[in-house]
Protein backbone atom coordinates (compact mmCIF):
# COMPACT_ATOMS: atom_id res chain seq x y z
CA UNK A 1 23.54 -6.83 15.06
CA UNK A 2 26.63 -7.24 17.22
CA UNK A 3 28.54 -8.65 14.28
CA UNK A 4 27.75 -5.53 12.26
CA UNK A 5 28.94 -3.31 15.10
CA UNK A 6 32.11 -5.30 15.74
CA UNK A 7 32.93 -5.31 12.04
CA UNK A 8 33.21 -1.55 12.18
CA UNK A 9 30.78 -1.02 9.29
CA UNK A 10 28.56 1.31 11.26
CA UNK A 11 31.53 3.32 12.52
CA UNK A 12 32.90 3.58 8.98
CA UNK A 13 29.52 4.77 7.74
CA UNK A 14 29.35 7.43 10.46
CA UNK A 15 32.90 8.55 9.77
CA UNK A 16 32.07 8.88 6.07
CA UNK A 17 29.16 11.07 7.11
CA UNK A 18 31.54 13.18 9.16
CA UNK A 19 30.06 12.10 12.49
CA UNK A 20 32.37 11.35 15.40
CA UNK A 21 31.12 8.64 17.73
CA UNK A 22 32.43 7.86 21.21
CA UNK A 23 32.90 4.28 22.46
CA UNK A 24 30.21 4.97 25.05
CA UNK A 25 27.75 5.39 22.19
CA UNK A 26 28.19 1.79 21.05
CA UNK A 27 25.00 0.64 22.79
CA UNK A 28 23.07 3.37 20.99
CA UNK A 29 24.35 2.05 17.68
CA UNK A 30 23.16 -1.46 18.49
CA UNK A 31 19.79 -0.04 19.51
CA UNK A 32 19.56 1.86 16.22
CA UNK A 33 20.08 -1.37 14.30
CA UNK A 34 16.84 -2.74 15.78
CA UNK A 35 15.02 0.62 15.91
CA UNK A 36 14.54 1.84 12.33
CA UNK A 37 13.86 5.50 13.01
CA UNK A 38 16.23 6.13 15.92
CA UNK A 39 18.56 9.09 15.50
CA UNK A 40 21.93 9.05 17.26
CA UNK A 41 23.60 12.04 15.59
CA UNK A 42 22.90 15.24 13.70
CA UNK A 43 24.38 15.63 10.24
CA UNK A 44 27.38 18.00 10.19
CA UNK A 45 26.82 18.44 6.43
CA UNK A 46 24.41 21.40 6.10
CA UNK A 47 23.01 20.24 2.74
CA UNK A 48 19.84 18.77 4.20
CA UNK A 49 19.24 21.64 6.62
CA UNK A 50 19.86 24.30 3.99
CA UNK A 51 17.65 22.57 1.44
CA UNK A 52 14.75 22.40 3.88
CA UNK A 53 15.30 26.01 4.93
CA UNK A 54 15.29 27.12 1.29
CA UNK A 55 12.22 24.99 0.59
CA UNK A 56 10.18 26.57 3.39
CA UNK A 57 11.31 30.05 2.40
CA UNK A 58 10.29 29.29 -1.17
CA UNK A 59 6.78 28.37 -0.03
CA UNK A 60 6.51 31.79 1.60
CA UNK A 61 8.05 33.65 -1.34
CA UNK A 62 5.66 32.03 -3.82
CA UNK A 63 2.76 32.76 -1.43
CA UNK A 64 1.86 29.08 -1.07
CA UNK A 65 1.86 29.69 2.67
CA UNK A 66 1.79 32.82 4.79
CA UNK A 67 4.78 33.73 6.98
CA UNK A 68 2.85 32.85 10.13
CA UNK A 69 1.81 29.42 8.78
CA UNK A 70 5.32 28.00 8.47
CA UNK A 71 4.72 26.00 11.66
CA UNK A 72 1.91 24.08 9.94
CA UNK A 73 4.40 22.50 7.50
CA UNK A 74 6.37 19.39 8.48
CA UNK A 75 9.63 18.00 7.08
CA UNK A 76 11.94 15.20 8.24
CA UNK A 77 15.14 14.05 6.49
CA UNK A 78 17.16 11.12 7.76
CA UNK A 79 19.98 8.92 6.48
CA UNK A 80 20.65 5.86 8.60
CA UNK A 81 20.96 7.06 12.20
CA UNK A 82 21.85 10.60 11.12
CA UNK A 83 19.23 13.35 11.23
CA UNK A 84 19.72 15.65 8.25
CA UNK A 85 16.87 18.13 8.80
CA UNK A 86 13.83 18.55 11.00
CA UNK A 87 11.00 21.06 10.83
CA UNK A 88 8.02 20.17 13.04
CA UNK A 89 9.20 16.61 12.52
CA UNK A 90 7.76 15.13 15.71
CA UNK A 91 4.42 16.96 15.49
CA UNK A 92 1.45 14.84 14.35
CA UNK A 93 0.05 16.56 11.23
CA UNK A 94 -2.83 15.65 8.88
CA UNK A 95 -1.19 12.88 6.89
CA UNK A 96 -3.85 12.10 4.27
CA UNK A 97 -2.85 8.94 2.37
CA UNK A 98 0.49 8.64 4.13
CA UNK A 99 -1.82 6.73 6.49
CA UNK A 100 -1.59 3.88 3.98
CA UNK A 101 2.06 3.43 5.01
CA UNK A 102 0.84 2.46 8.48
CA UNK A 103 -1.75 0.11 6.97
CA UNK A 104 0.90 -1.42 4.68
CA UNK A 105 3.30 -1.98 7.57
CA UNK A 106 0.69 -3.55 9.83
CA UNK A 107 -0.71 -5.81 7.09
CA UNK A 108 2.69 -6.91 5.77
CA UNK A 109 4.09 -7.82 9.18
CA UNK A 110 0.88 -9.47 10.39
CA UNK A 111 -0.02 -11.56 7.34
CA UNK A 112 3.20 -11.86 5.32
CA UNK A 113 3.82 -10.98 1.66
CA UNK A 114 2.49 -14.22 0.17
CA UNK A 115 -0.77 -14.24 2.13
CA UNK A 116 -3.86 -14.81 -0.01
CA UNK A 117 -7.42 -13.95 0.97
CA UNK A 118 -9.85 -16.77 0.35
CA UNK A 119 -13.35 -16.53 -1.09
CA UNK A 120 -15.28 -19.78 -1.11
CA UNK A 121 -18.19 -20.51 -3.41
CA UNK A 122 -20.71 -23.07 -2.20
CA UNK A 123 -24.28 -24.30 -2.72
CA UNK A 124 -27.15 -25.84 -0.78
CA UNK A 125 -28.28 -27.79 -3.81
CA UNK A 126 -26.96 -30.08 -6.53
CA UNK A 127 -26.17 -29.79 -10.22
CA UNK A 128 -28.58 -31.46 -12.64
CA UNK A 129 -28.04 -31.11 -16.39
CA UNK A 130 -26.09 -27.87 -16.04
CA UNK A 131 -28.57 -26.32 -13.59
CA UNK A 132 -27.67 -25.70 -9.96
CA UNK A 133 -30.79 -26.71 -8.04
CA UNK A 134 -30.31 -24.31 -5.16
CA UNK A 135 -28.48 -21.13 -4.18
CA UNK A 136 -25.01 -20.01 -5.22
CA UNK A 137 -23.39 -18.93 -1.95
CA UNK A 138 -20.44 -16.54 -1.84
CA UNK A 139 -18.53 -16.68 1.45
CA UNK A 140 -16.38 -13.55 1.52
CA UNK A 141 -12.98 -13.67 3.15
CA UNK A 142 -11.99 -10.00 2.99
CA UNK A 143 -10.34 -10.00 -0.46
CA UNK A 144 -9.79 -6.32 -1.34
CA UNK A 145 -8.94 -7.11 -4.97
CA UNK A 146 -11.93 -9.15 -6.10
CA UNK A 147 -12.63 -7.22 -9.31
CA UNK A 148 -14.10 -7.81 -12.79
CA UNK A 149 -11.22 -10.08 -13.81
CA UNK A 150 -11.69 -12.27 -10.74
CA UNK A 151 -15.42 -12.57 -11.29
CA UNK A 152 -15.00 -13.42 -14.97
CA UNK A 153 -12.45 -16.09 -14.08
CA UNK A 154 -14.86 -17.46 -11.46
CA UNK A 155 -17.67 -17.62 -14.00
CA UNK A 156 -15.46 -19.56 -16.39
CA UNK A 157 -14.56 -21.95 -13.57
CA UNK A 158 -18.24 -22.58 -12.85
CA UNK A 159 -18.85 -23.22 -16.57
CA UNK A 160 -16.00 -25.74 -16.59
CA UNK A 161 -17.74 -27.50 -13.71
CA UNK A 162 -20.86 -27.78 -15.86
CA UNK A 163 -22.83 -25.01 -14.13
CA UNK A 164 -24.63 -22.74 -16.58
CA UNK A 165 -27.67 -21.77 -14.59
CA UNK A 166 -28.57 -21.21 -10.93
CA UNK A 167 -32.20 -21.89 -10.08
CA UNK A 168 -31.95 -20.27 -6.65
CA UNK A 169 -30.52 -17.00 -5.33
CA UNK A 170 -27.07 -15.46 -5.19
CA UNK A 171 -26.40 -15.38 -1.45
CA UNK A 172 -23.60 -13.19 -0.06
CA UNK A 173 -22.13 -13.94 3.36
CA UNK A 174 -19.05 -12.83 5.25
CA UNK A 175 -16.80 -9.96 4.20
CA UNK A 176 -17.27 -9.76 0.43
CA UNK A 177 -16.57 -6.80 -1.84
CA UNK A 178 -16.38 -6.50 -5.60
CA UNK A 179 -14.78 -3.69 -7.57
CA UNK A 180 -14.07 -2.03 -4.19
CA UNK A 181 -17.81 -1.90 -3.42
CA UNK A 182 -18.21 -3.16 0.14
CA UNK A 183 -22.01 -2.93 0.40
CA UNK A 184 -22.90 -6.65 -0.04
CA UNK A 185 -26.06 -6.28 -2.14
CA UNK A 186 -24.38 -3.91 -4.60
CA UNK A 187 -21.28 -6.13 -4.71
CA UNK A 188 -23.57 -9.08 -5.35
CA UNK A 189 -25.32 -7.25 -8.20
CA UNK A 190 -21.98 -6.65 -9.93
CA UNK A 191 -20.97 -10.28 -9.43
CA UNK A 192 -24.28 -11.52 -10.86
CA UNK A 193 -23.73 -9.36 -13.92
CA UNK A 194 -20.11 -10.48 -14.33
CA UNK A 195 -21.04 -14.18 -14.25
CA UNK A 196 -23.34 -13.79 -17.27
CA UNK A 197 -21.64 -12.12 -20.24
CA UNK A 198 -25.00 -11.54 -21.94
CA UNK A 199 -25.74 -8.88 -19.32
CA UNK A 200 -22.35 -7.13 -19.54
CA UNK A 201 -22.18 -3.39 -19.96
CA UNK A 202 -19.23 -1.30 -21.15
CA UNK A 203 -16.96 -1.72 -18.04
CA UNK A 204 -17.11 -5.53 -18.10
CA UNK A 205 -16.65 -5.67 -21.87
CA UNK A 206 -13.62 -3.40 -21.65
CA UNK A 207 -11.97 -5.46 -18.90
CA UNK A 208 -12.54 -8.66 -20.90
CA UNK A 209 -10.94 -7.01 -23.95
CA UNK A 210 -7.67 -6.47 -22.07
CA UNK A 211 -7.59 -9.94 -20.52
CA UNK A 212 -5.45 -12.61 -22.19
CA UNK A 213 -6.52 -13.42 -25.72
CA UNK A 214 -8.87 -16.38 -25.80
CA UNK A 215 -10.36 -15.81 -22.34
CA UNK A 216 -13.89 -17.27 -22.55
CA UNK A 217 -16.97 -15.22 -21.76
CA UNK A 218 -18.80 -16.90 -18.86
CA UNK A 219 -22.50 -17.70 -18.98
CA UNK A 220 -23.91 -18.43 -15.55
CA UNK A 221 -27.54 -17.27 -15.39
CA UNK A 222 -28.89 -16.70 -11.87
CA UNK A 223 -32.69 -16.91 -11.83
CA UNK A 224 -33.21 -15.72 -8.26
CA UNK A 225 -32.43 -12.51 -6.42
CA UNK A 226 -29.45 -11.31 -4.43
CA UNK A 227 -29.59 -11.85 -0.70
CA UNK A 228 -27.24 -11.16 2.20
CA UNK A 229 -26.96 -13.18 5.36
CA UNK A 230 -24.53 -12.54 8.21
CA UNK A 231 -24.23 -16.21 9.14
CA UNK A 232 -23.44 -18.80 6.44
CA UNK A 233 -25.69 -21.81 6.04
CA UNK A 234 -23.93 -24.71 7.77
CA UNK A 235 -25.52 -27.12 5.27
CA UNK A 236 -23.64 -26.18 2.12
CA UNK A 237 -21.43 -28.00 -0.33
CA UNK A 238 -18.17 -26.33 -1.23
CA UNK A 239 -17.73 -25.78 -4.98
CA UNK A 240 -14.74 -23.51 -5.48
CA UNK A 241 -12.01 -22.16 -3.25
CA UNK A 242 -10.76 -18.91 -4.82
CA UNK A 243 -7.58 -17.22 -3.59
CA UNK A 244 -6.59 -13.60 -4.09
CA UNK A 245 -3.36 -12.33 -5.56
CA UNK A 246 -0.59 -12.28 -2.90
CA UNK A 247 -0.68 -9.52 -0.30
CA UNK A 248 2.54 -7.93 -1.59
CA UNK A 249 0.79 -7.23 -4.91
CA UNK A 250 -2.35 -5.97 -3.18
CA UNK A 251 -0.24 -3.53 -1.16
CA UNK A 252 1.58 -2.39 -4.30
CA UNK A 253 -1.67 -1.73 -6.18
CA UNK A 254 -3.11 0.07 -3.16
CA UNK A 255 -0.13 2.40 -2.94
CA UNK A 256 0.33 2.96 -6.68
CA UNK A 257 -3.25 4.20 -7.00
CA UNK A 258 -3.67 5.29 -3.36
CA UNK A 259 -6.89 3.25 -3.28
CA UNK A 260 -8.90 4.13 -0.18
CA UNK A 261 -11.20 1.10 -0.33
CA UNK A 262 -8.34 -1.40 -0.45
CA UNK A 263 -6.69 0.36 2.48
CA UNK A 264 -9.84 0.33 4.57
CA UNK A 265 -10.54 -3.32 3.80
CA UNK A 266 -7.00 -4.26 4.82
CA UNK A 267 -7.36 -2.28 8.04
CA UNK A 268 -10.69 -3.98 8.75
CA UNK A 269 -9.16 -7.39 8.06
CA UNK A 270 -6.55 -6.61 10.72
CA UNK A 271 -9.13 -5.54 13.30
CA UNK A 272 -9.57 -1.85 12.56
CA UNK A 273 -7.65 1.42 12.58
CA UNK A 274 -6.75 1.21 16.27
CA UNK A 275 -4.98 -2.10 15.67
CA UNK A 276 -3.14 -0.56 12.70
CA UNK A 277 -2.16 2.47 14.77
CA UNK A 278 -0.81 0.41 17.67
CA UNK A 279 1.07 -2.06 15.49
CA UNK A 280 2.60 0.64 13.30
CA UNK A 281 3.87 2.68 16.26
CA UNK A 282 5.32 -0.40 17.93
CA UNK A 283 7.07 -1.62 14.78
CA UNK A 284 8.42 1.84 13.96
CA UNK A 285 9.52 2.38 17.59
CA UNK A 286 7.90 5.81 17.81
CA UNK A 287 5.62 7.22 20.54
CA UNK A 288 1.98 6.21 20.13
CA UNK A 289 0.90 9.86 20.07
CA UNK A 290 2.83 10.42 16.82
CA UNK A 291 0.41 8.11 14.94
CA UNK A 292 -3.26 9.07 15.42
CA UNK A 293 -5.71 7.33 13.08
CA UNK A 294 -9.47 7.26 12.57
CA UNK A 295 -9.35 4.88 9.59
CA UNK A 296 -6.90 2.89 7.48
CA UNK A 297 -7.06 5.00 4.34
CA UNK A 298 -6.24 8.57 5.36
CA UNK A 299 -9.60 10.11 4.48
CA UNK A 300 -10.17 13.01 6.83
CA UNK A 301 -7.81 15.49 8.49
CA UNK A 302 -8.18 13.66 11.80
CA UNK A 303 -5.60 11.10 10.64
CA UNK A 304 -2.41 12.65 12.00
CA UNK A 305 1.13 11.31 11.76
CA UNK A 306 4.42 13.04 12.46
CA UNK A 307 6.97 13.25 9.62
CA UNK A 308 9.43 11.37 11.83
CA UNK A 309 6.94 8.53 12.34
CA UNK A 310 6.31 8.37 8.58
CA UNK A 311 10.03 7.83 7.90
CA UNK A 312 10.35 5.35 10.76
CA UNK A 313 7.46 3.28 9.39
CA UNK A 314 9.02 3.22 5.93
CA UNK A 315 12.36 2.11 7.38
CA UNK A 316 10.64 -0.58 9.45
CA UNK A 317 8.80 -1.83 6.36
CA UNK A 318 12.02 -1.92 4.35
CA UNK A 319 13.65 -3.89 7.17
CA UNK A 320 10.76 -6.34 7.36
CA UNK A 321 10.58 -6.74 3.58
CA UNK A 322 14.29 -7.59 3.44
CA UNK A 323 13.63 -10.74 5.48
CA UNK A 324 11.59 -11.97 2.50
CA UNK A 325 14.13 -10.79 -0.12
CA UNK A 326 11.83 -7.88 -0.97
CA UNK A 327 12.08 -4.10 -0.59
CA UNK A 328 9.95 -0.95 -0.63
CA UNK A 329 10.02 -0.80 -4.44
CA UNK A 330 7.98 -4.02 -4.40
CA UNK A 331 5.32 -2.29 -2.29
CA UNK A 332 5.27 1.36 -3.43
CA UNK A 333 5.55 3.23 -6.75
CA UNK A 334 9.14 3.93 -7.83
CA UNK A 335 10.26 6.59 -10.31
CA UNK A 336 11.81 5.10 -13.42
CA UNK A 337 9.96 1.80 -12.88
CA UNK A 338 6.31 2.82 -12.36
CA UNK A 339 4.42 5.27 -14.53
CA UNK A 340 0.92 4.63 -13.27
CA UNK A 341 -1.34 6.12 -10.66
CA UNK A 342 0.11 8.72 -8.32
CA UNK A 343 3.49 8.61 -10.09
CA UNK A 344 1.90 10.20 -13.15
CA UNK A 345 3.08 13.78 -13.80
CA UNK A 346 5.61 13.69 -10.94
CA UNK A 347 9.22 14.67 -11.64
CA UNK A 348 11.22 12.83 -9.02
CA UNK A 349 14.86 11.70 -9.02
CA UNK A 350 15.42 8.25 -10.48
CA UNK A 351 14.64 5.33 -8.16
CA UNK A 352 12.73 7.46 -5.66
CA UNK A 353 10.28 5.21 -3.82
CA UNK A 354 7.36 7.33 -2.72
CA UNK A 355 3.87 7.62 -1.27
CA UNK A 356 1.66 10.63 -1.78
CA UNK A 357 -1.08 12.03 0.40
CA UNK A 358 -3.79 14.45 -0.71
CA UNK A 359 -6.79 16.10 0.90
CA UNK A 360 -8.52 19.38 0.14
CA UNK A 361 -5.84 21.31 2.02
CA UNK A 362 -3.10 18.71 2.49
CA UNK A 363 -0.34 17.67 0.10
CA UNK A 364 2.16 15.15 1.42
CA UNK A 365 5.06 13.19 -0.04
CA UNK A 366 7.22 10.61 1.71
CA UNK A 367 9.67 7.91 0.74
CA UNK A 368 13.34 7.26 0.13
CA UNK A 369 15.75 8.59 -2.50
CA UNK A 370 19.25 7.25 -3.33
CA UNK A 371 22.24 9.63 -3.25
CA UNK A 372 25.97 9.22 -3.70
CA UNK A 373 27.12 11.04 -0.56
CA UNK A 374 24.46 9.96 1.92
CA UNK A 375 23.21 6.66 0.53
CA UNK A 376 19.49 6.22 1.13
CA UNK A 377 17.84 9.43 2.33
CA UNK A 378 14.43 8.99 3.95
CA UNK A 379 12.07 11.95 3.69
CA UNK A 380 8.60 13.05 4.71
CA UNK A 381 7.03 16.35 3.67
CA UNK A 382 3.57 17.40 4.86
CA UNK A 383 2.24 20.66 3.43
CA UNK A 384 -0.91 22.48 4.54
CA UNK A 385 -2.70 24.78 2.14
CA UNK A 386 -5.19 24.72 -0.75
CA UNK A 387 -2.79 24.91 -3.73
CA UNK A 388 -2.18 21.17 -4.09
CA UNK A 389 -0.67 21.24 -7.58
CA UNK A 390 1.84 23.95 -6.66
CA UNK A 391 2.87 22.07 -3.52
CA UNK A 392 3.55 18.95 -5.60
CA UNK A 393 5.80 20.91 -7.95
CA UNK A 394 7.73 22.35 -5.02
CA UNK A 395 8.13 18.92 -3.42
CA UNK A 396 9.59 17.51 -6.63
CA UNK A 397 11.98 20.44 -6.96
CA UNK A 398 13.00 20.01 -3.33
CA UNK A 399 14.07 16.39 -3.91
CA UNK A 400 15.82 17.27 -7.15
CA UNK A 401 17.78 20.01 -5.37
CA UNK A 402 18.68 17.68 -2.51
CA UNK A 403 20.01 15.03 -4.89
CA UNK A 404 22.01 17.70 -6.73
CA UNK A 405 23.73 18.70 -3.49
CA UNK A 406 24.35 15.11 -2.35
CA UNK A 407 25.19 13.91 -5.88
CA UNK A 408 23.25 11.42 -7.95
CA UNK A 409 23.79 7.78 -7.01
CA UNK A 410 26.06 6.18 -9.66
CA UNK A 411 23.71 3.20 -10.01
CA UNK A 412 20.23 2.30 -8.86
CA UNK A 413 20.66 0.51 -5.51
CA UNK A 414 19.47 -3.07 -5.33
CA UNK A 415 17.58 -2.04 -2.21
CA UNK A 416 15.33 0.18 -4.35
CA UNK A 417 14.93 -2.05 -7.42
CA UNK A 418 11.62 -3.93 -7.83
CA UNK A 419 12.00 -7.70 -8.00
CA UNK A 420 9.24 -8.31 -10.53
CA UNK A 421 7.38 -6.45 -13.29
CA UNK A 422 4.74 -4.09 -11.94
CA UNK A 423 1.81 -5.87 -13.52
CA UNK A 424 -0.97 -7.98 -12.10
CA UNK A 425 -0.88 -11.72 -12.82
CA UNK A 426 -2.78 -13.40 -15.64
CA UNK A 427 -6.42 -13.52 -14.55
CA UNK A 428 -7.68 -15.24 -17.66
CA UNK A 429 -7.40 -18.71 -16.19
CA UNK A 430 -8.34 -20.43 -12.95
CA UNK A 431 -4.92 -21.04 -11.46
CA UNK A 432 -5.97 -19.46 -8.14
CA UNK A 433 -9.32 -21.25 -8.05
CA UNK A 434 -9.36 -24.77 -6.66
CA UNK A 435 -12.36 -26.75 -7.90
CA UNK A 436 -13.72 -28.76 -4.99
CA UNK A 437 -17.12 -29.99 -6.14
CA UNK A 438 -17.21 -33.68 -6.98
CA UNK A 439 -13.64 -34.17 -5.82
């Protein structure tokens, strides 16, 4: 940090922004380097302020909000340590799925980007002539992305081990979910179906059709019923150790589709929403009262986050990701690179990394957009009102107008370029499943 300050890079950046800084402010600059959302100067360029002012006035003119409801809207614009615009920016507002930014930050910093959740498959019996003489036991490890593909791959692994039939029950223990269904007996029912292709219905058949060509159809027939037990049987033989896709990909999928179940499972894996709330506020260096959560997904208007805290969390996550040679584009949808999920039908400037938030009367958008004159501009917009589609259009126009005023970045910054294709890994084989039985 001191090297950066002594090199004069920060001073040069501030001078380019038209901000004069006194020598006595040097300590503040050092503090900013370790405090992502700290502001040490207001922007003398009125572009940000005027754009926000025009945006809010436009909401009134188009009758999206009433004149007296302007205070219920929140906007924060920041570039580095320079505050560009602020409207109710430090007020906690219903954040909807912007809550997932807090969950992403807490999970990423706690577990690391390469972390893999582990599901172990065991038995209390032995295999005789292709028949497992006992129960098939699934010990859940909190994997939020155990879906059809995973179950099909597991079934093929069991077939390779010589298991074609289970004489006993399918026993679920621990924290196991399948296809985002967290109720263990229902998750177990889907797993039982997935393991035996003769019982597949349309969803399983469709998923298999888009898996790599040549992926076998598993046939593991379970004769017994599905049972759940809180405590695993200590007398069990480990068969398979199955690992999830890396956390960085789980976070990306969660944010691309704004998946509430993945978010809640991640929050639960960390210890609950209060742990997420505390960690996120500490990492973003914002007051605890600016992040108020009741869950990890954003469902419910009781989840309240200030626009400033939203930007600070994004900056903290970008900072943390950089230590692993990653960036926000590896964790959130990015215009020009992603066309799935919440990015669909949005008209954002190229290379805008974003997260949406939607409830019945909340439309939110936050992220970072590259510009020529201000570099990376961090933004958070929280709108209150029932006309969700109209709010989205106005948010997109707001960012387009801002980039017009600050000029389009000549090239896509490396800091906002994904490092790998935005696709899930090949699930047609067993590369993440370690066969243990008989070894």
